[in-house]
C-alpha atoms as a PDB file:
ATOM      1  CA  MET A   1     -10.662 -13.200  14.960  1.00  0.00           C
ATOM      2  CA  LYS A   2      -7.711 -13.008  12.590  1.00  0.00           C
ATOM      3  CA  LYS A   3      -7.123  -9.869  10.536  1.00  0.00           C
ATOM      4  CA  THR A   4      -7.477 -10.009   6.773  1.00  0.00           C
ATOM      5  CA  ILE A   5      -5.211  -8.761   3.990  1.00  0.00           C
ATOM      6  CA  LEU A   6      -7.015  -8.387   0.671  1.00  0.00           C
ATOM      7  CA  VAL A   7      -5.022  -8.899  -2.548  1.00  0.00           C
ATOM      8  CA  GLY A   8      -6.203  -8.003  -6.047  1.00  0.00           C
ATOM      9  CA  ILE A   9      -5.349 -10.809  -8.481  1.00  0.00           C
ATOM     10  CA  ASP A  10      -5.533 -11.136 -12.247  1.00  0.00           C
ATOM     11  CA  PHE A  11      -2.879 -13.936 -12.439  1.00  0.00           C
ATOM     12  CA  SER A  12      -0.352 -11.622 -14.070  1.00  0.00           C
ATOM     13  CA  GLU A  13       3.219 -11.819 -12.743  1.00  0.00           C
ATOM     14  CA  CYS A  14       2.734  -8.380 -11.211  1.00  0.00           C
ATOM     15  CA  SER A  15      -0.300  -9.412  -9.177  1.00  0.00           C
ATOM     16  CA  LYS A  16       1.433 -12.661  -8.116  1.00  0.00           C
ATOM     17  CA  ASN A  17       4.388 -10.581  -6.955  1.00  0.00           C
ATOM     18  CA  ALA A  18       2.011  -8.394  -4.925  1.00  0.00           C
ATOM     19  CA  LEU A  19       0.522 -11.561  -3.396  1.00  0.00           C
ATOM     20  CA  SER A  20       3.963 -12.728  -2.304  1.00  0.00           C
ATOM     21  CA  HIS A  21       4.497  -9.416  -0.485  1.00  0.00           C
ATOM     22  CA  ALA A  22       1.089  -9.729   1.162  1.00  0.00           C
ATOM     23  CA  VAL A  23       1.900 -13.280   2.315  1.00  0.00           C
ATOM     24  CA  SER A  24       5.115 -12.055   3.983  1.00  0.00           C
ATOM     25  CA  ILE A  25       3.047  -9.480   5.915  1.00  0.00           C
ATOM     26  CA  ALA A  26       0.368 -12.044   6.743  1.00  0.00           C
ATOM     27  CA  GLU A  27       3.001 -14.397   8.163  1.00  0.00           C
ATOM     28  CA  LYS A  28       4.368 -11.718  10.506  1.00  0.00           C
ATOM     29  CA  SER A  29       0.957 -10.321  11.499  1.00  0.00           C
ATOM     30  CA  GLU A  30      -0.775 -13.714  11.737  1.00  0.00           C
ATOM     31  CA  SER A  31      -3.392 -12.549   9.263  1.00  0.00           C
ATOM     32  CA  LYS A  32      -5.456 -14.266   6.615  1.00  0.00           C
ATOM     33  CA  ILE A  33      -5.104 -13.630   2.878  1.00  0.00           C
ATOM     34  CA  LEU A  34      -8.209 -13.087   0.736  1.00  0.00           C
ATOM     35  CA  MET A  35      -7.492 -12.981  -2.997  1.00  0.00           C
ATOM     36  CA  VAL A  36     -10.028 -11.185  -5.208  1.00  0.00           C
ATOM     37  CA  TRP A  37     -10.467 -11.723  -8.945  1.00  0.00           C
ATOM     38  CA  VAL A  38     -13.083  -9.777 -10.883  1.00  0.00           C
ATOM     39  CA  ASN A  39     -14.457 -11.377 -14.056  1.00  0.00           C
ATOM     40  CA  LYS A  40     -15.032  -8.525 -16.487  1.00  0.00           C
ATOM     41  CA  TYR A  41     -16.091 -10.776 -19.338  1.00  0.00           C
ATOM     42  CA  THR A  42     -19.285 -12.255 -17.966  1.00  0.00           C
ATOM     43  CA  ASN A  43     -21.594 -10.419 -20.433  1.00  0.00           C
ATOM     44  CA  GLN A  44     -19.572 -11.123 -23.556  1.00  0.00           C
ATOM     45  CA  PRO A  45     -21.521 -13.789 -25.512  1.00  0.00           C
ATOM     46  CA  LEU A  46     -18.540 -15.136 -27.485  1.00  0.00           C
ATOM     47  CA  LEU A  47     -16.707 -16.172 -24.315  1.00  0.00           C
ATOM     48  CA  ASP A  48     -17.474 -19.323 -22.377  1.00  0.00           C
ATOM     49  CA  LYS A  49     -18.147 -18.087 -18.806  1.00  0.00           C
ATOM     50  CA  SER A  50     -17.833 -21.533 -17.230  1.00  0.00           C
ATOM     51  CA  LEU A  51     -14.472 -22.088 -18.908  1.00  0.00           C
ATOM     52  CA  ILE A  52     -13.177 -18.710 -17.698  1.00  0.00           C
ATOM     53  CA  ILE A  53     -14.295 -19.390 -14.112  1.00  0.00           C
ATOM     54  CA  SER A  54     -12.825 -22.893 -14.214  1.00  0.00           C
ATOM     55  CA  GLY A  55      -9.481 -21.512 -15.365  1.00  0.00           C
ATOM     56  CA  ALA A  56      -9.508 -18.928 -12.599  1.00  0.00           C
ATOM     57  CA  ARG A  57     -10.227 -21.570  -9.937  1.00  0.00           C
ATOM     58  CA  GLN A  58      -7.340 -23.700 -11.209  1.00  0.00           C
ATOM     59  CA  ASN A  59      -5.009 -20.739 -10.985  1.00  0.00           C
ATOM     60  CA  PHE A  60      -6.218 -19.972  -7.468  1.00  0.00           C
ATOM     61  CA  ASP A  61      -5.614 -23.576  -6.429  1.00  0.00           C
ATOM     62  CA  LEU A  62      -2.005 -23.291  -7.577  1.00  0.00           C
ATOM     63  CA  LEU A  63      -1.501 -20.034  -5.669  1.00  0.00           C
ATOM     64  CA  ILE A  64      -3.018 -21.529  -2.513  1.00  0.00           C
ATOM     65  CA  LYS A  65      -0.776 -24.562  -2.771  1.00  0.00           C
ATOM     66  CA  GLN A  66       2.286 -22.315  -3.232  1.00  0.00           C
ATOM     67  CA  HIS A  67       1.636 -19.998  -0.311  1.00  0.00           C
ATOM     68  CA  SER A  68      -0.045 -22.368   2.143  1.00  0.00           C
ATOM     69  CA  GLU A  69       3.421 -23.701   2.939  1.00  0.00           C
ATOM     70  CA  VAL A  70       4.114 -20.308   4.543  1.00  0.00           C
ATOM     71  CA  ILE A  71       0.823 -19.287   6.193  1.00  0.00           C
ATOM     72  CA  GLY A  72      -1.214 -22.511   6.159  1.00  0.00           C
ATOM     73  CA  GLU A  73      -3.999 -23.601   3.821  1.00  0.00           C
ATOM     74  CA  ASP A  74      -6.711 -22.333   6.206  1.00  0.00           C
ATOM     75  CA  ASN A  75      -5.294 -18.822   6.035  1.00  0.00           C
ATOM     76  CA  ILE A  76      -5.482 -18.206   2.300  1.00  0.00           C
ATOM     77  CA  SER A  77      -8.660 -18.140   0.250  1.00  0.00           C
ATOM     78  CA  TYR A  78     -10.229 -16.398  -2.729  1.00  0.00           C
ATOM     79  CA  THR A  79     -13.432 -14.863  -3.994  1.00  0.00           C
ATOM     80  CA  ILE A  80     -14.600 -14.440  -7.577  1.00  0.00           C
ATOM     81  CA  ARG A  81     -16.686 -11.389  -8.436  1.00  0.00           C
ATOM     82  CA  GLU A  82     -18.365 -10.087 -11.556  1.00  0.00           C
ATOM     83  CA  GLY A  83     -18.736  -6.469 -12.573  1.00  0.00           C
ATOM     84  CA  GLY A  84     -16.569  -3.379 -12.486  1.00  0.00           C
ATOM     85  CA  VAL A  85     -13.188  -3.852 -10.864  1.00  0.00           C
ATOM     86  CA  PHE A  86     -13.330  -0.643  -8.807  1.00  0.00           C
ATOM     87  CA  ASP A  87     -16.833  -1.338  -7.533  1.00  0.00           C
ATOM     88  CA  GLU A  88     -16.284  -4.997  -6.728  1.00  0.00           C
ATOM     89  CA  ILE A  89     -13.046  -4.510  -4.805  1.00  0.00           C
ATOM     90  CA  LYS A  90     -14.705  -1.764  -2.808  1.00  0.00           C
ATOM     91  CA  LYS A  91     -17.644  -4.072  -2.030  1.00  0.00           C
ATOM     92  CA  VAL A  92     -15.281  -6.800  -0.774  1.00  0.00           C
ATOM     93  CA  CYS A  93     -13.526  -4.251   1.427  1.00  0.00           C
ATOM     94  CA  ASP A  94     -16.817  -3.089   2.857  1.00  0.00           C
ATOM     95  CA  GLU A  95     -17.827  -6.716   3.541  1.00  0.00           C
ATOM     96  CA  THR A  96     -14.564  -7.908   5.103  1.00  0.00           C
ATOM     97  CA  ASP A  97     -13.025  -4.761   6.664  1.00  0.00           C
ATOM     98  CA  PRO A  98      -9.407  -5.846   5.860  1.00  0.00           C
ATOM     99  CA  MET A  99      -6.338  -4.524   7.647  1.00  0.00           C
ATOM    100  CA  LEU A 100      -4.637  -3.854   4.296  1.00  0.00           C
ATOM    101  CA  VAL A 101      -5.263  -4.037   0.564  1.00  0.00           C
ATOM    102  CA  VAL A 102      -2.284  -5.028  -1.595  1.00  0.00           C
ATOM    103  CA  ILE A 103      -2.313  -4.429  -5.340  1.00  0.00           C
ATOM    104  CA  GLY A 104       0.194  -4.556  -8.159  1.00  0.00           C
ATOM    105  CA  THR A 105       0.392  -1.284 -10.098  1.00  0.00           C
ATOM    106  CA  HIS A 106       0.279  -3.100 -13.439  1.00  0.00           C
ATOM    107  CA  GLY A 107      -2.386  -5.668 -12.863  1.00  0.00           C
ATOM    108  CA  ILE A 108      -5.637  -6.410 -11.166  1.00  0.00           C
ATOM    109  CA  SER A 109      -8.064  -5.281 -13.819  1.00  0.00           C
ATOM    110  CA  GLY A 110      -8.481  -8.397 -15.967  1.00  0.00           C
ATOM    111  CA  ILE A 111      -6.746 -11.032 -18.060  1.00  0.00           C
ATOM    112  CA  SER A 112      -5.492  -8.814 -20.886  1.00  0.00           C
ATOM    113  CA  GLU A 113      -5.734  -5.233 -19.643  1.00  0.00           C
ATOM    114  CA  ARG A 114      -2.777  -3.799 -17.655  1.00  0.00           C
ATOM    115  CA  TRP A 115      -3.136  -0.993 -15.195  1.00  0.00           C
ATOM    116  CA  LEU A 116      -0.782   1.926 -14.922  1.00  0.00           C
ATOM    117  CA  GLY A 117       0.143   3.275 -11.513  1.00  0.00           C
ATOM    118  CA  SER A 118      -2.493   5.980 -11.894  1.00  0.00           C
ATOM    119  CA  ASN A 119      -5.285   3.394 -12.020  1.00  0.00           C
ATOM    120  CA  ALA A 120      -4.035   1.578  -8.931  1.00  0.00           C
ATOM    121  CA  TYR A 121      -3.869   4.934  -7.197  1.00  0.00           C
ATOM    122  CA  ARG A 122      -7.431   5.765  -8.291  1.00  0.00           C
ATOM    123  CA  LEU A 123      -8.593   2.521  -6.712  1.00  0.00           C
ATOM    124  CA  SER A 124      -6.824   3.335  -3.479  1.00  0.00           C
ATOM    125  CA  LEU A 125      -8.775   6.639  -3.265  1.00  0.00           C
ATOM    126  CA  LEU A 126     -12.073   4.733  -3.239  1.00  0.00           C
ATOM    127  CA  LEU A 127     -11.149   2.631  -0.219  1.00  0.00           C
ATOM    128  CA  LYS A 128     -11.096   3.458   3.468  1.00  0.00           C
ATOM    129  CA  THR A 129      -8.501   0.749   4.035  1.00  0.00           C
ATOM    130  CA  PRO A 130      -4.760   1.498   3.755  1.00  0.00           C
ATOM    131  CA  VAL A 131      -3.428   0.291   0.394  1.00  0.00           C
ATOM    132  CA  ILE A 132       0.056  -0.997  -0.525  1.00  0.00           C
ATOM    133  CA  THR A 133       0.865  -0.587  -4.205  1.00  0.00           C
ATOM    134  CA  ILE A 134       3.718  -2.616  -5.674  1.00  0.00           C
ATOM    135  CA  ARG A 135       5.322  -2.121  -9.072  1.00  0.00           C
ATOM    136  CA  ASN A 136       6.167  -5.086 -11.236  1.00  0.00           C
ATOM    137  CA  GLY A 137       9.678  -6.449 -10.740  1.00  0.00           C
ATOM    138  CA  ILE A 138      10.149  -5.384  -7.121  1.00  0.00           C
ATOM    139  CA  ASP A 139      12.199  -7.944  -5.197  1.00  0.00           C
ATOM    140  CA  ILE A 140       9.777 -10.003  -3.108  1.00  0.00           C
ATOM    141  CA  ASN A 141      12.610 -11.516  -1.075  1.00  0.00           C
ATOM    142  CA  LYS A 142      13.459  -8.285   0.766  1.00  0.00           C
ATOM    143  CA  THR A 143      12.215  -8.243   4.319  1.00  0.00           C
ATOM    144  CA  LEU A 144      10.564  -5.067   5.545  1.00  0.00           C
ATOM    145  CA  SER A 145      13.520  -3.502   7.337  1.00  0.00           C
ATOM    146  CA  THR A 146      13.487   0.196   6.367  1.00  0.00           C
ATOM    147  CA  ILE A 147      10.385   2.364   6.113  1.00  0.00           C
ATOM    148  CA  LEU A 148      10.383   5.963   4.876  1.00  0.00           C
ATOM    149  CA  LEU A 149       7.812   8.196   6.595  1.00  0.00           C
ATOM    150  CA  PRO A 150       7.682  11.705   5.020  1.00  0.00           C
ATOM    151  CA  ILE A 151       6.218  14.404   7.256  1.00  0.00           C
ATOM    152  CA  ASP A 152       4.906  17.634   5.771  1.00  0.00           C
ATOM    153  CA  SER A 153       2.955  20.615   7.077  1.00  0.00           C
ATOM    154  CA  THR A 154      -0.552  19.205   6.541  1.00  0.00           C
ATOM    155  CA  VAL A 155      -2.667  18.190   9.509  1.00  0.00           C
ATOM    156  CA  GLU A 156      -3.283  14.803   7.868  1.00  0.00           C
ATOM    157  CA  THR A 157       0.387  13.886   7.548  1.00  0.00           C
ATOM    158  CA  ARG A 158       0.432  12.105  10.961  1.00  0.00           C
ATOM    159  CA  GLN A 159      -2.593   9.987  10.207  1.00  0.00           C
ATOM    160  CA  LYS A 160      -0.454   7.381   8.428  1.00  0.00           C
ATOM    161  CA  LEU A 161       1.540   6.786  11.598  1.00  0.00           C
ATOM    162  CA  PRO A 162      -0.525   4.013  13.295  1.00  0.00           C
ATOM    163  CA  ILE A 163      -0.515   1.584  10.348  1.00  0.00           C
ATOM    164  CA  THR A 164       3.128   2.416   9.572  1.00  0.00           C
ATOM    165  CA  ALA A 165       4.121   1.760  13.169  1.00  0.00           C
ATOM    166  CA  THR A 166       2.136  -1.484  13.165  1.00  0.00           C
ATOM    167  CA  LEU A 167       4.031  -2.813  10.157  1.00  0.00           C
ATOM    168  CA  ALA A 168       7.357  -1.677  11.598  1.00  0.00           C
ATOM    169  CA  LYS A 169       6.530  -3.488  14.832  1.00  0.00           C
ATOM    170  CA  TYR A 170       5.758  -6.743  12.997  1.00  0.00           C
ATOM    171  CA  PHE A 171       9.083  -6.698  11.164  1.00  0.00           C
ATOM    172  CA  ASN A 172      11.234  -4.874  13.749  1.00  0.00           C
ATOM    173  CA  ALA A 173      11.884  -2.337  11.021  1.00  0.00           C
ATOM    174  CA  THR A 174      13.487   1.122  11.325  1.00  0.00           C
ATOM    175  CA  ILE A 175      11.350   4.106  10.380  1.00  0.00           C
ATOM    176  CA  TYR A 176      13.047   7.122   8.803  1.00  0.00           C
ATOM    177  CA  ILE A 177      11.039  10.204   9.784  1.00  0.00           C
ATOM    178  CA  LEU A 178      11.734  12.671   6.982  1.00  0.00           C
ATOM    179  CA  ALA A 179      10.705  16.287   7.549  1.00  0.00           C
ATOM    180  CA  LEU A 180       9.842  17.898   4.233  1.00  0.00           C
ATOM    181  CA  TYR A 181      10.432  21.640   4.122  1.00  0.00           C
ATOM    182  CA  THR A 182       8.935  23.298   1.072  1.00  0.00           C
ATOM    183  CA  SER A 183       8.551  26.803   2.491  1.00  0.00           C
ATOM    184  CA  ASP A 184      10.632  29.566   4.076  1.00  0.00           C
ATOM    185  CA  ILE A 185       7.750  30.569   6.335  1.00  0.00           C
ATOM    186  CA  ASP A 186       8.840  30.095   9.941  1.00  0.00           C
ATOM    187  CA  VAL A 187       5.411  29.167  11.303  1.00  0.00           C
ATOM    188  CA  VAL A 188       5.003  26.424   8.726  1.00  0.00           C
ATOM    189  CA  ASN A 189       8.439  24.942   9.392  1.00  0.00           C
ATOM    190  CA  ALA A 190       7.817  25.120  13.148  1.00  0.00           C
ATOM    191  CA  ARG A 191       4.658  23.077  12.626  1.00  0.00           C
ATOM    192  CA  ILE A 192       6.608  20.412  10.743  1.00  0.00           C
ATOM    193  CA  LYS A 193       9.233  20.254  13.515  1.00  0.00           C
ATOM    194  CA  ASN A 194       6.444  19.748  16.055  1.00  0.00           C
ATOM    195  CA  TYR A 195       4.887  16.985  13.949  1.00  0.00           C
ATOM    196  CA  VAL A 196       8.277  15.232  13.738  1.00  0.00           C
ATOM    197  CA  LYS A 197       8.681  15.526  17.535  1.00  0.00           C
ATOM    198  CA  GLN A 198       5.221  14.023  18.086  1.00  0.00           C
ATOM    199  CA  THR A 199       5.979  11.220  15.632  1.00  0.00           C
ATOM    200  CA  ALA A 200       9.281  10.393  17.346  1.00  0.00           C
ATOM    201  CA  GLU A 201       7.558  10.317  20.742  1.00  0.00           C
ATOM    202  CA  TYR A 202       4.865   7.996  19.393  1.00  0.00           C
ATOM    203  CA  LEU A 203       7.431   5.550  17.982  1.00  0.00           C
ATOM    204  CA  ALA A 204       9.528   5.647  21.144  1.00  0.00           C
ATOM    205  CA  GLU A 205       6.436   4.795  23.198  1.00  0.00           C
ATOM    206  CA  TYR A 206       6.104   1.550  21.206  1.00  0.00           C
ATOM    207  CA  ASP A 207       9.851   0.768  21.183  1.00  0.00           C
ATOM    208  CA  ILE A 208      10.070   1.202  17.401  1.00  0.00           C
ATOM    209  CA  ASN A 209      13.489   2.102  15.977  1.00  0.00           C
ATOM    210  CA  TYR A 210      13.554   5.418  14.149  1.00  0.00           C
ATOM    211  CA  ILE A 211      15.903   7.941  12.589  1.00  0.00           C
ATOM    212  CA  ALA A 212      14.831  11.594  12.137  1.00  0.00           C
ATOM    213  CA  ASP A 213      16.102  13.533   9.113  1.00  0.00           C
ATOM    214  CA  GLU A 214      15.043  16.553   7.125  1.00  0.00           C
ATOM    215  CA  LEU A 215      14.975  17.629   3.506  1.00  0.00           C
ATOM    216  CA  ARG A 216      14.428  20.985   1.802  1.00  0.00           C
ATOM    217  CA  THR A 217      12.669  20.316  -1.443  1.00  0.00           C
ATOM    218  CA  LYS A 218      11.058  21.980  -4.444  1.00  0.00           C
ATOM    219  CA  ASP A 219       9.909  18.644  -5.887  1.00  0.00           C
ATOM    220  CA  ILE A 220       8.397  16.414  -3.184  1.00  0.00           C
ATOM    221  CA  ALA A 221       7.759  13.335  -5.324  1.00  0.00           C
ATOM    222  CA  ASP A 222      11.192  13.121  -6.982  1.00  0.00           C
ATOM    223  CA  ASP A 223      13.071  13.931  -3.790  1.00  0.00           C
ATOM    224  CA  VAL A 224      11.123  11.456  -1.665  1.00  0.00           C
ATOM    225  CA  VAL A 225      11.701   8.666  -4.179  1.00  0.00           C
ATOM    226  CA  GLU A 226      15.410   9.576  -4.447  1.00  0.00           C
ATOM    227  CA  TYR A 227      15.749   9.579  -0.661  1.00  0.00           C
ATOM    228  CA  ALA A 228      14.020   6.181  -0.459  1.00  0.00           C
ATOM    229  CA  ASN A 229      16.498   4.785  -2.975  1.00  0.00           C
ATOM    230  CA  ARG A 230      19.396   6.278  -0.989  1.00  0.00           C
ATOM    231  CA  ILE A 231      18.416   4.550   2.247  1.00  0.00           C
ATOM    232  CA  ASN A 232      17.360   1.367   0.446  1.00  0.00           C
ATOM    233  CA  ALA A 233      13.824   1.645   1.785  1.00  0.00           C
ATOM    234  CA  ASN A 234      11.473  -1.323   1.521  1.00  0.00           C
ATOM    235  CA  LEU A 235       8.359   0.837   1.933  1.00  0.00           C
ATOM    236  CA  ILE A 236       7.322   4.477   1.582  1.00  0.00           C
ATOM    237  CA  SER A 237       4.359   5.502   3.740  1.00  0.00           C
ATOM    238  CA  ILE A 238       2.304   8.444   2.447  1.00  0.00           C
ATOM    239  CA  MET A 239      -1.159   9.946   2.704  1.00  0.00           C
ATOM    240  CA  ASP A 240      -3.418   9.905  -0.344  1.00  0.00           C
ATOM    241  CA  GLU A 241      -2.229  13.443  -0.895  1.00  0.00           C
ATOM    242  CA  GLN A 242       0.972  15.126   0.180  1.00  0.00           C
ATOM    243  CA  GLU A 243       1.223  18.915   0.256  1.00  0.00           C
ATOM    244  CA  ILE A 244      -0.624  20.651  -2.598  1.00  0.00           C
ATOM    245  CA  SER A 245       1.303  23.226  -4.577  1.00  0.00           C
ATOM    246  CA  LEU A 246       0.671  25.150  -7.778  1.00  0.00           C
ATOM    247  CA  LYS A 247       3.056  22.768  -9.506  1.00  0.00           C
ATOM    248  CA  ASN A 248       1.258  19.518  -8.706  1.00  0.00           C
ATOM    249  CA  ILE A 249      -2.157  20.982  -9.445  1.00  0.00           C
ATOM    250  CA  PHE A 250      -1.063  20.777 -13.083  1.00  0.00           C
ATOM    251  CA  ALA A 251       1.442  17.893 -12.970  1.00  0.00           C
ATOM    252  CA  GLY A 252      -0.630  15.515 -10.843  1.00  0.00           C
ATOM    253  CA  SER A 253      -0.575  14.910  -7.095  1.00  0.00           C
ATOM    254  CA  ASN A 254       2.683  14.227  -5.314  1.00  0.00           C
ATOM    255  CA  SER A 255       1.254  11.018  -3.900  1.00  0.00           C
ATOM    256  CA  LEU A 256       0.316   9.770  -7.381  1.00  0.00           C
ATOM    257  CA  GLN A 257       3.794  10.634  -8.670  1.00  0.00           C
ATOM    258  CA  ILE A 258       5.394   8.755  -5.764  1.00  0.00           C
ATOM    259  CA  VAL A 259       3.264   5.666  -6.518  1.00  0.00           C
ATOM    260  CA  THR A 260       4.168   5.835 -10.197  1.00  0.00           C
ATOM    261  CA  LYS A 261       7.902   6.463  -9.743  1.00  0.00           C
ATOM    262  CA  SER A 262       8.819   4.514  -6.617  1.00  0.00           C
ATOM    263  CA  GLN A 263      10.995   1.424  -6.980  1.00  0.00           C
ATOM    264  CA  CYS A 264       9.753   0.107  -3.625  1.00  0.00           C
ATOM    265  CA  PRO A 265       6.206  -0.579  -2.362  1.00  0.00           C
ATOM    266  CA  VAL A 266       4.119   2.431  -1.327  1.00  0.00           C
ATOM    267  CA  LEU A 267       1.679   2.402   1.567  1.00  0.00           C
ATOM    268  CA  ILE A 268      -1.201   4.851   1.040  1.00  0.00           C
ATOM    269  CA  SER A 269      -3.293   5.885   4.067  1.00  0.00           C
ATOM    270  CA  HIS A 270      -6.471   7.975   4.072  1.00  0.00           C
ATOM    271  CA  SER A 271      -7.687  10.806   6.222  1.00  0.00           C
ATOM    272  CA  LYS A 272      -9.522   9.699   9.362  1.00  0.00           C
ATOM    273  CA  ASN A 273      -9.374  10.194  13.109  1.00  0.00           C
ATOM    274  CA  ILE A 274      -5.780  10.762  14.221  1.00  0.00           C
ATOM    275  CA  TYR A 275      -3.810   8.365  16.383  1.00  0.00           C
ATOM    276  CA  SER A 276      -5.753   5.164  16.708  1.00  0.00           C
ATOM    277  CA  THR A 277      -3.876   2.577  18.783  1.00  0.00           C
ATOM    278  CA  ILE A 278      -1.394   0.404  16.917  1.00  0.00           C
ATOM    279  CA  THR A 279      -1.472  -3.364  17.064  1.00  0.00           C
ATOM    280  CA  GLN A 280       0.785  -4.803  19.741  1.00  0.00           C
END
C-alpha cells in the first residue's frame, strides 16, 4: 500500500505552495497526496453551503489537474470536512495514518482567516504524525538537498532522526548534524557529543551524506535559523520542543520560534519510541 502525505488546503497561495512541496516529496517517495479542506461556515445561515462546497470542488479539480502531471491522477485526491480545523485534521490523520502532514504557516484555517506560525505549530502539537510547516513565499523549485539537524542534550533530540534520514534518502540530500552547546557543564556536553556520534553512525549505516558541526549558543532559535540560512538549508528538522531554558519559558518555545522565523520549511517530529527503521 502506498504511503500518504496529508496537505491542509484553504486555496490560499500559501497552502498551494505547501501542496507543491508535498507533491515533490510524494514524487520521490512514491506516495499519495490527500488534500484536506475544512468548511468552517456550514452553520452560518446567510451563506449558501452548496455554493461553498461547489466552489471548493472546482478548486480541487484544478489542483488535481495541475499536479497529476507529476504524480498521476490516481495519486492525488481530496476530502472535505466540516467543523473545527484542529479537530478535523486530527481526525483525518487518525483515519489515514499519513507519513507526513504538510501545512502552510499562513493558511489552512478557512477562506478569509490567515494563520500565523504559532497556529500551525499548535496544530502540529495535536498530531502524532511528523509535520512540515512552510512559510508563504518559500521557493517551491528548490530540491531537498541540504537538511539541518540540530542535536541538543535532551533524550528526545534523536527521535527526529528516522523521518529526517528517510527524506534525505529519497532526495540524496546531505544532513548537517549541528551540535548545540548551551552549557559549560562537561557531563551535558559529553552527552551531546555522544548523541552526535550515534547520529553519524546511523546515517553512515544507511549511506546518507552528512557533515558534523557544532555551535555554542545562548539563543537556540535565532542561531539555528541563521545557521540554516548560512548553509542554504532546504529543511530544518526539529522536535516539538528543543531544550527548555528560563528564557524560552517566557519568550515562547525554541521550536515555535524556529517555525515562525525560518525562511525554509521546518519538519517537526514528536516524542515516541527511539530509532524506528527508516524507509529504504
